[in-house]
């Protein structure tokens, strides 16, 4: 399954939080199961340096606008946190 299909399934059946601050907060509180970062995310280097206590970081190959569209949003999404994968296999996705 592609990253895009897995993301769409998470949006439908799981729980996500959007944005750098909310994603980092949930990662530090160990609520996030994975962080997903768009290729043009401005905070990418900071997120990569702090791999939040073993929480995997998946680098989405598209832009933040594309990531937002896949998630059904009308705004750019540079980073998001997966709190509950629902019925998707997003946690098994590799780059």
PDB file of N, CA and C in Angstrom:
ATOM      1  N   UNK A   1       0.847  -1.175   0.000  1.00  0.00           N
ATOM      2  CA  UNK A   1       0.000   0.000   0.000  1.00  0.00           C
ATOM      3  C   UNK A   1       0.897   1.245   0.000  1.00  0.00           C
ATOM      4  N   UNK A   2       0.532   2.261  -0.739  1.00  0.00           N
ATOM      5  CA  UNK A   2       1.339   3.474  -0.825  1.00  0.00           C
ATOM      6  C   UNK A   2       1.149   4.334   0.430  1.00  0.00           C
ATOM      7  N   UNK A   3       2.079   5.241   0.630  1.00  0.00           N
ATOM      8  CA  UNK A   3       1.978   6.162   1.756  1.00  0.00           C
ATOM      9  C   UNK A   3       0.689   6.972   1.651  1.00  0.00           C
ATOM     10  N   UNK A   4       0.360   7.405   0.442  1.00  0.00           N
ATOM     11  CA  UNK A   4      -0.853   8.197   0.234  1.00  0.00           C
ATOM     12  C   UNK A   4      -2.103   7.433   0.657  1.00  0.00           C
ATOM     13  N   UNK A   5      -2.203   6.169   0.242  1.00  0.00           N
ATOM     14  CA  UNK A   5      -3.369   5.352   0.609  1.00  0.00           C
ATOM     15  C   UNK A   5      -3.424   5.112   2.113  1.00  0.00           C
ATOM     16  N   UNK A   6      -2.270   4.866   2.711  1.00  0.00           N
ATOM     17  CA  UNK A   6      -2.227   4.666   4.163  1.00  0.00           C
ATOM     18  C   UNK A   6      -2.669   5.930   4.896  1.00  0.00           C
ATOM     19  N   UNK A   7      -2.220   7.088   4.416  1.00  0.00           N
ATOM     20  CA  UNK A   7      -2.617   8.353   5.036  1.00  0.00           C
ATOM     21  C   UNK A   7      -4.120   8.584   4.932  1.00  0.00           C
ATOM     22  N   UNK A   8      -4.675   8.314   3.763  1.00  0.00           N
ATOM     23  CA  UNK A   8      -6.116   8.487   3.584  1.00  0.00           C
ATOM     24  C   UNK A   8      -6.889   7.599   4.549  1.00  0.00           C
ATOM     25  N   UNK A   9      -6.393   6.379   4.768  1.00  0.00           N
ATOM     26  CA  UNK A   9      -7.053   5.455   5.683  1.00  0.00           C
ATOM     27  C   UNK A   9      -6.935   5.928   7.136  1.00  0.00           C
ATOM     28  N   UNK A  10      -5.791   6.500   7.501  1.00  0.00           N
ATOM     29  CA  UNK A  10      -5.637   7.056   8.844  1.00  0.00           C
ATOM     30  C   UNK A  10      -6.620   8.197   9.049  1.00  0.00           C
ATOM     31  N   UNK A  11      -6.753   9.062   8.047  1.00  0.00           N
ATOM     32  CA  UNK A  11      -7.681  10.191   8.150  1.00  0.00           C
ATOM     33  C   UNK A  11      -9.097   9.680   8.385  1.00  0.00           C
ATOM     34  N   UNK A  12      -9.469   8.589   7.695  1.00  0.00           N
ATOM     35  CA  UNK A  12     -10.822   8.052   7.801  1.00  0.00           C
ATOM     36  C   UNK A  12     -11.061   7.269   9.086  1.00  0.00           C
ATOM     37  N   UNK A  13     -10.059   6.512   9.540  1.00  0.00           N
ATOM     38  CA  UNK A  13     -10.305   5.571  10.637  1.00  0.00           C
ATOM     39  C   UNK A  13      -9.469   5.812  11.894  1.00  0.00           C
ATOM     40  N   UNK A  14      -8.469   6.675  11.816  1.00  0.00           N
ATOM     41  CA  UNK A  14      -7.575   6.882  12.953  1.00  0.00           C
ATOM     42  C   UNK A  14      -7.685   8.273  13.524  1.00  0.00           C
ATOM     43  N   UNK A  15      -6.585   8.716  14.128  1.00  0.00           N
ATOM     44  CA  UNK A  15      -6.564  10.039  14.734  1.00  0.00           C
ATOM     45  C   UNK A  15      -5.207  10.683  14.467  1.00  0.00           C
ATOM     46  N   UNK A  16      -5.262  11.923  13.946  1.00  0.00           N
ATOM     47  CA  UNK A  16      -4.066  12.693  13.633  1.00  0.00           C
ATOM     48  C   UNK A  16      -4.146  14.056  14.291  1.00  0.00           C
ATOM     49  N   UNK A  17      -2.987  14.665  14.516  1.00  0.00           N
ATOM     50  CA  UNK A  17      -2.942  16.077  14.858  1.00  0.00           C
ATOM     51  C   UNK A  17      -2.028  16.744  13.838  1.00  0.00           C
ATOM     52  N   UNK A  18      -2.399  17.958  13.447  1.00  0.00           N
ATOM     53  CA  UNK A  18      -1.695  18.671  12.395  1.00  0.00           C
ATOM     54  C   UNK A  18      -0.917  19.837  12.963  1.00  0.00           C
ATOM     55  N   UNK A  19       0.240  20.099  12.372  1.00  0.00           N
ATOM     56  CA  UNK A  19       1.049  21.245  12.754  1.00  0.00           C
ATOM     57  C   UNK A  19       2.224  20.863  13.633  1.00  0.00           C
ATOM     58  N   UNK A  20       3.263  21.678  13.545  1.00  0.00           N
ATOM     59  CA  UNK A  20       4.499  21.404  14.270  1.00  0.00           C
ATOM     60  C   UNK A  20       4.302  21.398  15.776  1.00  0.00           C
ATOM     61  N   UNK A  21       3.704  22.445  16.322  1.00  0.00           N
ATOM     62  CA  UNK A  21       3.599  22.562  17.779  1.00  0.00           C
ATOM     63  C   UNK A  21       2.775  21.438  18.396  1.00  0.00           C
ATOM     64  N   UNK A  22       1.626  21.144  17.807  1.00  0.00           N
ATOM     65  CA  UNK A  22       0.774  20.065  18.335  1.00  0.00           C
ATOM     66  C   UNK A  22       1.447  18.708  18.173  1.00  0.00           C
ATOM     67  N   UNK A  23       2.134  18.505  17.049  1.00  0.00           N
ATOM     68  CA  UNK A  23       2.810  17.225  16.817  1.00  0.00           C
ATOM     69  C   UNK A  23       3.935  17.012  17.820  1.00  0.00           C
ATOM     70  N   UNK A  24       4.735  18.052  18.037  1.00  0.00           N
ATOM     71  CA  UNK A  24       5.842  17.954  18.996  1.00  0.00           C
ATOM     72  C   UNK A  24       5.307  17.738  20.409  1.00  0.00           C
ATOM     73  N   UNK A  25       4.261  18.451  20.770  1.00  0.00           N
ATOM     74  CA  UNK A  25       3.658  18.285  22.105  1.00  0.00           C
ATOM     75  C   UNK A  25       3.210  16.840  22.316  1.00  0.00           C
ATOM     76  N   UNK A  26       2.527  16.269  21.326  1.00  0.00           N
ATOM     77  CA  UNK A  26       2.064  14.890  21.448  1.00  0.00           C
ATOM     78  C   UNK A  26       3.217  13.899  21.435  1.00  0.00           C
ATOM     79  N   UNK A  27       4.280  14.220  20.714  1.00  0.00           N
ATOM     80  CA  UNK A  27       5.459  13.349  20.708  1.00  0.00           C
ATOM     81  C   UNK A  27       6.129  13.356  22.075  1.00  0.00           C
ATOM     82  N   UNK A  28       6.281  14.540  22.656  1.00  0.00           N
ATOM     83  CA  UNK A  28       6.922  14.636  23.976  1.00  0.00           C
ATOM     84  C   UNK A  28       6.091  13.964  25.058  1.00  0.00           C
ATOM     85  N   UNK A  29       4.773  13.984  24.893  1.00  0.00           N
ATOM     86  CA  UNK A  29       3.891  13.325  25.855  1.00  0.00           C
ATOM     87  C   UNK A  29       3.717  11.839  25.547  1.00  0.00           C
ATOM     88  N   UNK A  30       4.440  11.368  24.562  1.00  0.00           N
ATOM     89  CA  UNK A  30       4.425   9.956  24.134  1.00  0.00           C
ATOM     90  C   UNK A  30       3.049   9.496  23.680  1.00  0.00           C
ATOM     91  N   UNK A  31       2.253  10.428  23.155  1.00  0.00           N
ATOM     92  CA  UNK A  31       0.951  10.080  22.598  1.00  0.00           C
ATOM     93  C   UNK A  31       1.065   9.771  21.110  1.00  0.00           C
ATOM     94  N   UNK A  32       2.077  10.353  20.463  1.00  0.00           N
ATOM     95  CA  UNK A  32       2.271  10.146  19.025  1.00  0.00           C
ATOM     96  C   UNK A  32       2.945   8.805  18.775  1.00  0.00           C
ATOM     97  N   UNK A  33       2.478   8.107  17.766  1.00  0.00           N
ATOM     98  CA  UNK A  33       3.074   6.829  17.373  1.00  0.00           C
ATOM     99  C   UNK A  33       4.053   7.020  16.216  1.00  0.00           C
ATOM    100  N   UNK A  34       3.876   8.129  15.460  1.00  0.00           N
ATOM    101  CA  UNK A  34       4.733   8.436  14.331  1.00  0.00           C
ATOM    102  C   UNK A  34       4.558   9.901  13.963  1.00  0.00           C
ATOM    103  N   UNK A  35       5.641  10.525  13.500  1.00  0.00           N
ATOM    104  CA  UNK A  35       5.576  11.860  12.926  1.00  0.00           C
ATOM    105  C   UNK A  35       5.770  11.724  11.423  1.00  0.00           C
ATOM    106  N   UNK A  36       4.993  12.480  10.657  1.00  0.00           N
ATOM    107  CA  UNK A  36       5.132  12.490   9.203  1.00  0.00           C
ATOM    108  C   UNK A  36       5.477  13.918   8.804  1.00  0.00           C
ATOM    109  N   UNK A  37       6.564  14.056   8.045  1.00  0.00           N
ATOM    110  CA  UNK A  37       7.109  15.362   7.713  1.00  0.00           C
ATOM    111  C   UNK A  37       7.181  15.517   6.199  1.00  0.00           C
ATOM    112  N   UNK A  38       6.617  16.604   5.669  1.00  0.00           N
ATOM    113  CA  UNK A  38       6.682  16.892   4.239  1.00  0.00           C
ATOM    114  C   UNK A  38       8.104  17.309   3.863  1.00  0.00           C
ATOM    115  N   UNK A  39       8.453  17.115   2.592  1.00  0.00           N
ATOM    116  CA  UNK A  39       9.828  17.400   2.160  1.00  0.00           C
ATOM    117  C   UNK A  39      10.199  18.873   2.283  1.00  0.00           C
ATOM    118  N   UNK A  40       9.207  19.773   2.271  1.00  0.00           N
ATOM    119  CA  UNK A  40       9.508  21.197   2.372  1.00  0.00           C
ATOM    120  C   UNK A  40       9.194  21.784   3.752  1.00  0.00           C
ATOM    121  N   UNK A  41       9.083  20.929   4.739  1.00  0.00           N
ATOM    122  CA  UNK A  41       8.807  21.390   6.103  1.00  0.00           C
ATOM    123  C   UNK A  41       9.970  22.237   6.600  1.00  0.00           C
ATOM    124  N   UNK A  42       9.666  23.422   7.120  1.00  0.00           N
ATOM    125  CA  UNK A  42      10.707  24.345   7.566  1.00  0.00           C
ATOM    126  C   UNK A  42      11.422  23.865   8.822  1.00  0.00           C
ATOM    127  N   UNK A  43      10.779  23.039   9.612  1.00  0.00           N
ATOM    128  CA  UNK A  43      11.363  22.557  10.872  1.00  0.00           C
ATOM    129  C   UNK A  43      11.923  21.145  10.741  1.00  0.00           C
ATOM    130  N   UNK A  44      12.146  20.687   9.525  1.00  0.00           N
ATOM    131  CA  UNK A  44      12.562  19.299   9.307  1.00  0.00           C
ATOM    132  C   UNK A  44      13.847  18.951  10.050  1.00  0.00           C
ATOM    133  N   UNK A  45      14.833  19.836  10.011  1.00  0.00           N
ATOM    134  CA  UNK A  45      16.113  19.538  10.664  1.00  0.00           C
ATOM    135  C   UNK A  45      15.932  19.376  12.173  1.00  0.00           C
ATOM    136  N   UNK A  46      15.109  20.241  12.770  1.00  0.00           N
ATOM    137  CA  UNK A  46      14.868  20.139  14.212  1.00  0.00           C
ATOM    138  C   UNK A  46      14.163  18.830  14.547  1.00  0.00           C
ATOM    139  N   UNK A  47      13.199  18.443  13.724  1.00  0.00           N
ATOM    140  CA  UNK A  47      12.481  17.194  13.969  1.00  0.00           C
ATOM    141  C   UNK A  47      13.410  15.994  13.825  1.00  0.00           C
ATOM    142  N   UNK A  48      14.319  16.047  12.854  1.00  0.00           N
ATOM    143  CA  UNK A  48      15.242  14.933  12.636  1.00  0.00           C
ATOM    144  C   UNK A  48      16.246  14.813  13.777  1.00  0.00           C
ATOM    145  N   UNK A  49      16.681  15.945  14.342  1.00  0.00           N
ATOM    146  CA  UNK A  49      17.656  15.915  15.439  1.00  0.00           C
ATOM    147  C   UNK A  49      17.043  15.334  16.710  1.00  0.00           C
ATOM    148  N   UNK A  50      15.774  15.581  16.906  1.00  0.00           N
ATOM    149  CA  UNK A  50      15.098  15.131  18.121  1.00  0.00           C
ATOM    150  C   UNK A  50      14.090  14.050  17.752  1.00  0.00           C
ATOM    151  N   UNK A  51      14.557  12.870  17.529  1.00  0.00           N
ATOM    152  CA  UNK A  51      13.664  11.794  17.115  1.00  0.00           C
ATOM    153  C   UNK A  51      12.871  11.322  18.336  1.00  0.00           C
ATOM    154  N   UNK A  52      12.360  12.269  19.026  1.00  0.00           N
ATOM    155  CA  UNK A  52      11.474  12.160  20.170  1.00  0.00           C
ATOM    156  C   UNK A  52      11.367  10.785  20.801  1.00  0.00           C
ATOM    157  N   UNK A  53      12.446  10.414  21.430  1.00  0.00           N
ATOM    158  CA  UNK A  53      12.449   9.218  22.268  1.00  0.00           C
ATOM    159  C   UNK A  53      11.954   7.981  21.537  1.00  0.00           C
ATOM    160  N   UNK A  54      12.469   7.765  20.348  1.00  0.00           N
ATOM    161  CA  UNK A  54      12.160   6.546  19.618  1.00  0.00           C
ATOM    162  C   UNK A  54      10.921   6.598  18.752  1.00  0.00           C
ATOM    163  N   UNK A  55      10.257   7.745  18.674  1.00  0.00           N
ATOM    164  CA  UNK A  55       9.091   7.856  17.800  1.00  0.00           C
ATOM    165  C   UNK A  55       9.586   7.970  16.367  1.00  0.00           C
ATOM    166  N   UNK A  56       9.153   7.079  15.480  1.00  0.00           N
ATOM    167  CA  UNK A  56       9.651   7.127  14.102  1.00  0.00           C
ATOM    168  C   UNK A  56       9.183   8.380  13.368  1.00  0.00           C
ATOM    169  N   UNK A  57      10.054   8.862  12.480  1.00  0.00           N
ATOM    170  CA  UNK A  57       9.745  10.004  11.631  1.00  0.00           C
ATOM    171  C   UNK A  57       9.721   9.508  10.192  1.00  0.00           C
ATOM    172  N   UNK A  58       8.576   9.658   9.531  1.00  0.00           N
ATOM    173  CA  UNK A  58       8.429   9.262   8.129  1.00  0.00           C
ATOM    174  C   UNK A  58       8.501  10.517   7.281  1.00  0.00           C
ATOM    175  N   UNK A  59       9.408  10.534   6.316  1.00  0.00           N
ATOM    176  CA  UNK A  59       9.563  11.678   5.427  1.00  0.00           C
ATOM    177  C   UNK A  59       8.646  11.490   4.223  1.00  0.00           C
ATOM    178  N   UNK A  60       7.631  12.327   4.151  1.00  0.00           N
ATOM    179  CA  UNK A  60       6.702  12.273   3.029  1.00  0.00           C
ATOM    180  C   UNK A  60       7.394  12.891   1.813  1.00  0.00           C
ATOM    181  N   UNK A  61       7.378  12.211   0.664  1.00  0.00           N
ATOM    182  CA  UNK A  61       8.132  12.695  -0.495  1.00  0.00           C
ATOM    183  C   UNK A  61       7.532  13.913  -1.188  1.00  0.00           C
ATOM    184  N   UNK A  62       6.320  14.290  -0.854  1.00  0.00           N
ATOM    185  CA  UNK A  62       5.671  15.440  -1.482  1.00  0.00           C
ATOM    186  C   UNK A  62       5.787  16.694  -0.637  1.00  0.00           C
ATOM    187  N   UNK A  63       5.187  17.758  -1.147  1.00  0.00           N
ATOM    188  CA  UNK A  63       5.225  19.045  -0.456  1.00  0.00           C
ATOM    189  C   UNK A  63       4.167  19.093   0.643  1.00  0.00           C
ATOM    190  N   UNK A  64       4.227  20.150   1.431  1.00  0.00           N
ATOM    191  CA  UNK A  64       3.250  20.326   2.503  1.00  0.00           C
ATOM    192  C   UNK A  64       1.849  20.574   1.933  1.00  0.00           C
ATOM    193  N   UNK A  65       1.755  21.190   0.775  1.00  0.00           N
ATOM    194  CA  UNK A  65       0.458  21.389   0.125  1.00  0.00           C
ATOM    195  C   UNK A  65      -0.123  20.036  -0.284  1.00  0.00           C
ATOM    196  N   UNK A  66       0.715  19.180  -0.854  1.00  0.00           N
ATOM    197  CA  UNK A  66       0.265  17.840  -1.253  1.00  0.00           C
ATOM    198  C   UNK A  66      -0.142  17.006  -0.038  1.00  0.00           C
ATOM    199  N   UNK A  67       0.623  17.108   1.038  1.00  0.00           N
ATOM    200  CA  UNK A  67       0.294  16.367   2.254  1.00  0.00           C
ATOM    201  C   UNK A  67      -1.041  16.841   2.814  1.00  0.00           C
ATOM    202  N   UNK A  68      -1.264  18.134   2.804  1.00  0.00           N
ATOM    203  CA  UNK A  68      -2.544  18.678   3.254  1.00  0.00           C
ATOM    204  C   UNK A  68      -3.709  18.167   2.418  1.00  0.00           C
ATOM    205  N   UNK A  69      -3.533  18.140   1.114  1.00  0.00           N
ATOM    206  CA  UNK A  69      -4.604  17.655   0.229  1.00  0.00           C
ATOM    207  C   UNK A  69      -4.929  16.191   0.484  1.00  0.00           C
ATOM    208  N   UNK A  70      -3.908  15.369   0.652  1.00  0.00           N
ATOM    209  CA  UNK A  70      -4.135  13.943   0.915  1.00  0.00           C
ATOM    210  C   UNK A  70      -4.914  13.754   2.209  1.00  0.00           C
ATOM    211  N   UNK A  71      -4.669  14.636   3.173  1.00  0.00           N
ATOM    212  CA  UNK A  71      -5.356  14.558   4.459  1.00  0.00           C
ATOM    213  C   UNK A  71      -6.728  15.234   4.423  1.00  0.00           C
ATOM    214  N   UNK A  72      -7.124  15.737   3.256  1.00  0.00           N
ATOM    215  CA  UNK A  72      -8.429  16.361   3.130  1.00  0.00           C
ATOM    216  C   UNK A  72      -8.492  17.776   3.670  1.00  0.00           C
ATOM    217  N   UNK A  73      -7.347  18.417   3.800  1.00  0.00           N
ATOM    218  CA  UNK A  73      -7.289  19.776   4.336  1.00  0.00           C
ATOM    219  C   UNK A  73      -7.122  20.780   3.207  1.00  0.00           C
ATOM    220  N   UNK A  74      -7.603  21.983   3.434  1.00  0.00           N
ATOM    221  CA  UNK A  74      -7.454  23.068   2.460  1.00  0.00           C
ATOM    222  C   UNK A  74      -6.279  23.963   2.806  1.00  0.00           C
ATOM    223  N   UNK A  75      -5.358  23.424   3.576  1.00  0.00           N
ATOM    224  CA  UNK A  75      -4.170  24.185   3.954  1.00  0.00           C
ATOM    225  C   UNK A  75      -2.965  23.253   3.922  1.00  0.00           C
ATOM    226  N   UNK A  76      -1.797  23.848   3.875  1.00  0.00           N
ATOM    227  CA  UNK A  76      -0.558  23.077   3.853  1.00  0.00           C
ATOM    228  C   UNK A  76      -0.325  22.419   5.211  1.00  0.00           C
ATOM    229  N   UNK A  77       0.183  21.198   5.183  1.00  0.00           N
ATOM    230  CA  UNK A  77       0.505  20.455   6.399  1.00  0.00           C
ATOM    231  C   UNK A  77       1.973  20.042   6.297  1.00  0.00           C
ATOM    232  N   UNK A  78       2.834  20.728   7.033  1.00  0.00           N
ATOM    233  CA  UNK A  78       4.256  20.418   6.996  1.00  0.00           C
ATOM    234  C   UNK A  78       4.610  19.212   7.842  1.00  0.00           C
ATOM    235  N   UNK A  79       3.907  19.045   8.953  1.00  0.00           N
ATOM    236  CA  UNK A  79       4.154  17.919   9.856  1.00  0.00           C
ATOM    237  C   UNK A  79       2.839  17.541  10.518  1.00  0.00           C
ATOM    238  N   UNK A  80       2.699  16.248  10.754  1.00  0.00           N
ATOM    239  CA  UNK A  80       1.543  15.749  11.495  1.00  0.00           C
ATOM    240  C   UNK A  80       1.981  14.585  12.358  1.00  0.00           C
ATOM    241  N   UNK A  81       1.201  14.321  13.374  1.00  0.00           N
ATOM    242  CA  UNK A  81       1.481  13.201  14.271  1.00  0.00           C
ATOM    243  C   UNK A  81       0.338  12.209  14.189  1.00  0.00           C
ATOM    244  N   UNK A  82       0.689  10.935  14.084  1.00  0.00           N
ATOM    245  CA  UNK A  82      -0.302   9.864  14.100  1.00  0.00           C
ATOM    246  C   UNK A  82      -0.478   9.437  15.550  1.00  0.00           C
ATOM    247  N   UNK A  83      -1.674   9.667  16.089  1.00  0.00           N
ATOM    248  CA  UNK A  83      -1.969   9.259  17.461  1.00  0.00           C
ATOM    249  C   UNK A  83      -2.575   7.864  17.495  1.00  0.00           C
ATOM    250  N   UNK A  84      -3.386   7.574  16.496  1.00  0.00           N
ATOM    251  CA  UNK A  84      -4.031   6.269  16.372  1.00  0.00           C
ATOM    252  C   UNK A  84      -4.072   5.936  14.888  1.00  0.00           C
ATOM    253  N   UNK A  85      -3.436   4.839  14.458  1.00  0.00           N
ATOM    254  CA  UNK A  85      -3.398   4.518  13.037  1.00  0.00           C
ATOM    255  C   UNK A  85      -4.716   3.992  12.481  1.00  0.00           C
ATOM    256  N   UNK A  86      -5.684   3.740  13.339  1.00  0.00           N
ATOM    257  CA  UNK A  86      -6.950   3.177  12.861  1.00  0.00           C
ATOM    258  C   UNK A  86      -6.705   1.834  12.200  1.00  0.00           C
ATOM    259  N   UNK A  87      -7.327   1.622  11.044  1.00  0.00           N
ATOM    260  CA  UNK A  87      -7.165   0.342  10.343  1.00  0.00           C
ATOM    261  C   UNK A  87      -6.053   0.386   9.299  1.00  0.00           C
ATOM    262  N   UNK A  88      -5.293   1.474   9.267  1.00  0.00           N
ATOM    263  CA  UNK A  88      -4.214   1.588   8.279  1.00  0.00           C
ATOM    264  C   UNK A  88      -2.956   0.872   8.770  1.00  0.00           C
ATOM    265  N   UNK A  89      -2.017   0.710   7.844  1.00  0.00           N
ATOM    266  CA  UNK A  89      -0.727   0.125   8.204  1.00  0.00           C
ATOM    267  C   UNK A  89       0.372   1.185   8.131  1.00  0.00           C
ATOM    268  N   UNK A  90       0.018   2.434   8.399  1.00  0.00           N
ATOM    269  CA  UNK A  90       0.954   3.559   8.272  1.00  0.00           C
ATOM    270  C   UNK A  90       2.200   3.361   9.124  1.00  0.00           C
ATOM    271  N   UNK A  91       2.088   2.720  10.268  1.00  0.00           N
ATOM    272  CA  UNK A  91       3.245   2.541  11.151  1.00  0.00           C
ATOM    273  C   UNK A  91       4.266   1.587  10.553  1.00  0.00           C
ATOM    274  N   UNK A  92       3.876   0.818   9.531  1.00  0.00           N
ATOM    275  CA  UNK A  92       4.794  -0.104   8.866  1.00  0.00           C
ATOM    276  C   UNK A  92       5.385   0.478   7.590  1.00  0.00           C
ATOM    277  N   UNK A  93       4.973   1.692   7.221  1.00  0.00           N
ATOM    278  CA  UNK A  93       5.465   2.322   5.982  1.00  0.00           C
ATOM    279  C   UNK A  93       6.942   2.649   6.107  1.00  0.00           C
ATOM    280  N   UNK A  94       7.636   2.432   5.015  1.00  0.00           N
ATOM    281  CA  UNK A  94       9.061   2.783   4.926  1.00  0.00           C
ATOM    282  C   UNK A  94       9.209   3.848   3.853  1.00  0.00           C
ATOM    283  N   UNK A  95      10.282   4.602   3.956  1.00  0.00           N
ATOM    284  CA  UNK A  95      10.505   5.670   2.977  1.00  0.00           C
ATOM    285  C   UNK A  95      11.010   5.121   1.684  1.00  0.00           C
TER     286      UNK A  95
END
